[in-house]
C-alpha atoms as a PDB file:
ATOM      1  CA  UNK A   1     154.476  92.936 -34.711  1.00  0.00           C
ATOM      2  CA  UNK A   2     156.641  90.959 -37.074  1.00  0.00           C
ATOM      3  CA  UNK A   3     154.947  87.871 -36.077  1.00  0.00           C
ATOM      4  CA  UNK A   4     151.457  89.258 -36.926  1.00  0.00           C
ATOM      5  CA  UNK A   5     152.736  90.547 -40.280  1.00  0.00           C
ATOM      6  CA  UNK A   6     154.099  86.969 -41.207  1.00  0.00           C
ATOM      7  CA  UNK A   7     150.904  85.340 -40.120  1.00  0.00           C
ATOM      8  CA  UNK A   8     148.752  87.860 -42.286  1.00  0.00           C
ATOM      9  CA  UNK A   9     150.824  87.217 -45.303  1.00  0.00           C
ATOM     10  CA  UNK A  10     150.597  83.352 -44.694  1.00  0.00           C
ATOM     11  CA  UNK A  11     146.890  83.330 -44.266  1.00  0.00           C
ATOM     12  CA  UNK A  12     146.453  85.373 -47.558  1.00  0.00           C
ATOM     13  CA  UNK A  13     148.734  83.063 -49.500  1.00  0.00           C
ATOM     14  CA  UNK A  14     146.992  79.955 -48.180  1.00  0.00           C
ATOM     15  CA  UNK A  15     143.512  81.557 -49.076  1.00  0.00           C
ATOM     16  CA  UNK A  16     144.460  82.089 -52.737  1.00  0.00           C
ATOM     17  CA  UNK A  17     146.511  78.847 -53.161  1.00  0.00           C
ATOM     18  CA  UNK A  18     145.751  76.629 -56.233  1.00  0.00           C
ATOM     19  CA  UNK A  19     143.290  73.977 -55.598  1.00  0.00           C
ATOM     20  CA  UNK A  20     144.477  70.414 -55.148  1.00  0.00           C
ATOM     21  CA  UNK A  21     141.697  68.894 -57.373  1.00  0.00           C
ATOM     22  CA  UNK A  22     142.500  67.403 -60.790  1.00  0.00           C
ATOM     23  CA  UNK A  23     139.930  69.756 -62.292  1.00  0.00           C
ATOM     24  CA  UNK A  24     142.067  72.767 -61.411  1.00  0.00           C
ATOM     25  CA  UNK A  25     143.806  72.982 -64.761  1.00  0.00           C
ATOM     26  CA  UNK A  26     140.811  71.658 -66.935  1.00  0.00           C
ATOM     27  CA  UNK A  27     138.553  73.649 -69.170  1.00  0.00           C
ATOM     28  CA  UNK A  28     139.357  76.395 -71.822  1.00  0.00           C
ATOM     29  CA  UNK A  29     139.127  79.973 -70.772  1.00  0.00           C
ATOM     30  CA  UNK A  30     137.205  80.587 -74.054  1.00  0.00           C
ATOM     31  CA  UNK A  31     134.329  78.621 -72.805  1.00  0.00           C
ATOM     32  CA  UNK A  32     132.615  81.134 -70.618  1.00  0.00           C
ATOM     33  CA  UNK A  33     129.117  79.854 -70.542  1.00  0.00           C
ATOM     34  CA  UNK A  34     128.016  77.344 -67.781  1.00  0.00           C
ATOM     35  CA  UNK A  35     127.629  73.665 -68.658  1.00  0.00           C
ATOM     36  CA  UNK A  36     126.091  70.770 -66.945  1.00  0.00           C
ATOM     37  CA  UNK A  37     128.966  68.388 -66.076  1.00  0.00           C
ATOM     38  CA  UNK A  38     126.725  65.793 -64.146  1.00  0.00           C
ATOM     39  CA  UNK A  39     124.858  62.889 -65.653  1.00  0.00           C
ATOM     40  CA  UNK A  40     121.916  64.996 -66.379  1.00  0.00           C
ATOM     41  CA  UNK A  41     120.938  63.491 -69.671  1.00  0.00           C
ATOM     42  CA  UNK A  42     120.493  60.188 -67.908  1.00  0.00           C
ATOM     43  CA  UNK A  43     118.090  61.789 -65.330  1.00  0.00           C
ATOM     44  CA  UNK A  44     116.002  63.920 -67.708  1.00  0.00           C
ATOM     45  CA  UNK A  45     115.898  63.006 -71.492  1.00  0.00           C
ATOM     46  CA  UNK A  46     114.556  66.222 -72.454  1.00  0.00           C
ATOM     47  CA  UNK A  47     117.462  68.221 -70.780  1.00  0.00           C
ATOM     48  CA  UNK A  48     115.190  70.667 -68.923  1.00  0.00           C
ATOM     49  CA  UNK A  49     117.845  71.811 -66.519  1.00  0.00           C
ATOM     50  CA  UNK A  50     119.530  74.907 -67.396  1.00  0.00           C
ATOM     51  CA  UNK A  51     121.777  77.646 -65.535  1.00  0.00           C
ATOM     52  CA  UNK A  52     121.829  81.235 -66.836  1.00  0.00           C
ATOM     53  CA  UNK A  53     124.078  84.026 -65.394  1.00  0.00           C
ATOM     54  CA  UNK A  54     123.137  87.594 -65.361  1.00  0.00           C
ATOM     55  CA  UNK A  55     125.166  89.247 -66.440  1.00  0.00           C
ATOM     56  CA  UNK A  56     126.388  86.492 -68.682  1.00  0.00           C
ATOM     57  CA  UNK A  57     130.132  87.314 -67.992  1.00  0.00           C
ATOM     58  CA  UNK A  58     130.139  87.892 -64.114  1.00  0.00           C
ATOM     59  CA  UNK A  59     132.816  90.110 -62.643  1.00  0.00           C
ATOM     60  CA  UNK A  60     134.438  89.468 -59.268  1.00  0.00           C
ATOM     61  CA  UNK A  61     133.316  91.628 -56.348  1.00  0.00           C
ATOM     62  CA  UNK A  62     130.148  92.485 -58.188  1.00  0.00           C
ATOM     63  CA  UNK A  63     126.893  90.724 -57.398  1.00  0.00           C
ATOM     64  CA  UNK A  64     125.463  88.564 -60.197  1.00  0.00           C
ATOM     65  CA  UNK A  65     122.231  86.496 -60.506  1.00  0.00           C
ATOM     66  CA  UNK A  66     121.933  82.736 -61.050  1.00  0.00           C
ATOM     67  CA  UNK A  67     118.733  81.605 -62.672  1.00  0.00           C
ATOM     68  CA  UNK A  68     118.137  77.958 -62.605  1.00  0.00           C
ATOM     69  CA  UNK A  69     115.479  76.202 -64.445  1.00  0.00           C
ATOM     70  CA  UNK A  70     114.366  72.655 -63.402  1.00  0.00           C
ATOM     71  CA  UNK A  71     111.605  70.291 -64.263  1.00  0.00           C
ATOM     72  CA  UNK A  72     108.483  70.944 -62.155  1.00  0.00           C
ATOM     73  CA  UNK A  73     108.702  67.700 -60.279  1.00  0.00           C
ATOM     74  CA  UNK A  74     112.295  68.677 -58.567  1.00  0.00           C
ATOM     75  CA  UNK A  75     113.584  71.522 -56.599  1.00  0.00           C
ATOM     76  CA  UNK A  76     117.046  72.748 -55.683  1.00  0.00           C
ATOM     77  CA  UNK A  77     118.415  72.264 -52.156  1.00  0.00           C
ATOM     78  CA  UNK A  78     120.824  74.741 -50.529  1.00  0.00           C
ATOM     79  CA  UNK A  79     123.855  74.775 -52.819  1.00  0.00           C
ATOM     80  CA  UNK A  80     127.474  75.852 -52.835  1.00  0.00           C
ATOM     81  CA  UNK A  81     129.926  77.575 -54.990  1.00  0.00           C
ATOM     82  CA  UNK A  82     133.652  76.659 -54.980  1.00  0.00           C
ATOM     83  CA  UNK A  83     136.677  77.992 -56.844  1.00  0.00           C
ATOM     84  CA  UNK A  84     138.185  75.374 -59.109  1.00  0.00           C
ATOM     85  CA  UNK A  85     141.473  77.238 -60.082  1.00  0.00           C
ATOM     86  CA  UNK A  86     142.117  78.523 -56.599  1.00  0.00           C
ATOM     87  CA  UNK A  87     140.757  77.502 -53.138  1.00  0.00           C
ATOM     88  CA  UNK A  88     138.393  80.324 -52.137  1.00  0.00           C
ATOM     89  CA  UNK A  89     136.282  78.416 -49.663  1.00  0.00           C
ATOM     90  CA  UNK A  90     132.635  77.507 -50.031  1.00  0.00           C
ATOM     91  CA  UNK A  91     130.067  80.192 -50.890  1.00  0.00           C
ATOM     92  CA  UNK A  92     126.556  79.117 -49.854  1.00  0.00           C
ATOM     93  CA  UNK A  93     123.891  79.614 -52.397  1.00  0.00           C
ATOM     94  CA  UNK A  94     120.226  79.779 -51.399  1.00  0.00           C
ATOM     95  CA  UNK A  95     117.545  79.561 -53.991  1.00  0.00           C
ATOM     96  CA  UNK A  96     114.161  81.367 -54.275  1.00  0.00           C
ATOM     97  CA  UNK A  97     111.462  80.322 -56.702  1.00  0.00           C
ATOM     98  CA  UNK A  98     110.623  82.970 -59.176  1.00  0.00           C
ATOM     99  CA  UNK A  99     108.187  81.247 -61.572  1.00  0.00           C
ATOM    100  CA  UNK A 100     106.378  77.977 -61.844  1.00  0.00           C
ATOM    101  CA  UNK A 101     104.399  76.231 -64.643  1.00  0.00           C
ATOM    102  CA  UNK A 102     103.514  72.564 -65.379  1.00  0.00           C
ATOM    103  CA  UNK A 103     106.713  71.653 -67.073  1.00  0.00           C
ATOM    104  CA  UNK A 104     109.493  73.724 -65.485  1.00  0.00           C
ATOM    105  CA  UNK A 105     110.194  75.893 -62.481  1.00  0.00           C
ATOM    106  CA  UNK A 106     112.798  78.701 -62.240  1.00  0.00           C
ATOM    107  CA  UNK A 107     114.907  79.528 -59.213  1.00  0.00           C
ATOM    108  CA  UNK A 108     117.055  82.589 -58.598  1.00  0.00           C
ATOM    109  CA  UNK A 109     119.948  83.357 -56.219  1.00  0.00           C
ATOM    110  CA  UNK A 110     122.299  86.323 -55.895  1.00  0.00           C
ATOM    111  CA  UNK A 111     125.965  85.599 -55.617  1.00  0.00           C
ATOM    112  CA  UNK A 112     129.043  87.612 -54.849  1.00  0.00           C
ATOM    113  CA  UNK A 113     132.512  86.127 -55.342  1.00  0.00           C
ATOM    114  CA  UNK A 114     135.927  87.592 -54.213  1.00  0.00           C
ATOM    115  CA  UNK A 115     138.889  88.351 -56.346  1.00  0.00           C
ATOM    116  CA  UNK A 116     142.173  86.575 -56.208  1.00  0.00           C
ATOM    117  CA  UNK A 117     145.401  86.696 -58.498  1.00  0.00           C
ATOM    118  CA  UNK A 118     143.883  85.218 -61.608  1.00  0.00           C
ATOM    119  CA  UNK A 119     142.333  87.326 -64.292  1.00  0.00           C
ATOM    120  CA  UNK A 120     139.716  84.622 -65.096  1.00  0.00           C
ATOM    121  CA  UNK A 121     138.671  82.371 -62.252  1.00  0.00           C
ATOM    122  CA  UNK A 122     136.770  79.111 -62.776  1.00  0.00           C
ATOM    123  CA  UNK A 123     133.830  78.320 -60.443  1.00  0.00           C
ATOM    124  CA  UNK A 124     131.812  75.156 -59.823  1.00  0.00           C
ATOM    125  CA  UNK A 125     128.220  75.214 -58.600  1.00  0.00           C
ATOM    126  CA  UNK A 126     126.986  72.046 -56.932  1.00  0.00           C
ATOM    127  CA  UNK A 127     123.226  71.909 -56.635  1.00  0.00           C
ATOM    128  CA  UNK A 128     121.680  69.006 -54.756  1.00  0.00           C
ATOM    129  CA  UNK A 129     118.200  68.311 -55.951  1.00  0.00           C
ATOM    130  CA  UNK A 130     115.108  66.668 -54.408  1.00  0.00           C
ATOM    131  CA  UNK A 131     111.862  65.430 -55.601  1.00  0.00           C
ATOM    132  CA  UNK A 132     110.422  62.423 -57.402  1.00  0.00           C
ATOM    133  CA  UNK A 133     113.071  59.959 -58.405  1.00  0.00           C
ATOM    134  CA  UNK A 134     115.851  62.497 -57.761  1.00  0.00           C
ATOM    135  CA  UNK A 135     116.969  62.077 -54.367  1.00  0.00           C
ATOM    136  CA  UNK A 136     120.695  61.899 -54.092  1.00  0.00           C
ATOM    137  CA  UNK A 137     121.242  63.587 -57.397  1.00  0.00           C
ATOM    138  CA  UNK A 138     123.565  66.635 -57.710  1.00  0.00           C
ATOM    139  CA  UNK A 139     123.837  68.916 -60.717  1.00  0.00           C
ATOM    140  CA  UNK A 140     127.186  70.585 -61.236  1.00  0.00           C
ATOM    141  CA  UNK A 141     127.680  73.730 -63.498  1.00  0.00           C
ATOM    142  CA  UNK A 142     130.942  75.427 -64.234  1.00  0.00           C
ATOM    143  CA  UNK A 143     131.445  79.070 -65.266  1.00  0.00           C
ATOM    144  CA  UNK A 144     134.171  81.784 -65.269  1.00  0.00           C
ATOM    145  CA  UNK A 145     134.356  85.206 -63.652  1.00  0.00           C
ATOM    146  CA  UNK A 146     136.795  87.950 -64.725  1.00  0.00           C
ATOM    147  CA  UNK A 147     138.443  90.915 -62.941  1.00  0.00           C
END
């Protein structure tokens, strides 16, 4: 019984341990809107890629929506969401197209993230894209959730 309790505490602490990445302490908590941190401007000069969150300030353990706008010639591949401040595993993100026109397409995904010891948690969304002249590119967005 004592062994099981120690093992449970160890697993909990490892699951909420700080990330080893150099980005773990980067970014200001006041910047709550997502931003593109990839070389997007070198791919699309008109900066057509955009990520919106609904609600704009997501909360942990409550489902929220991701709305991704991309140029019409590309599409998102299955993506993943990772904690930057704390290791929380990889959360798979699957996109569904919600609108299309000649210049841009919109894709939507529902996400639910877990809570940890931090009041504000930083997340990174990695979105591989495919389409004309885009093979191998990955868009990365960062945003925060709060408890």
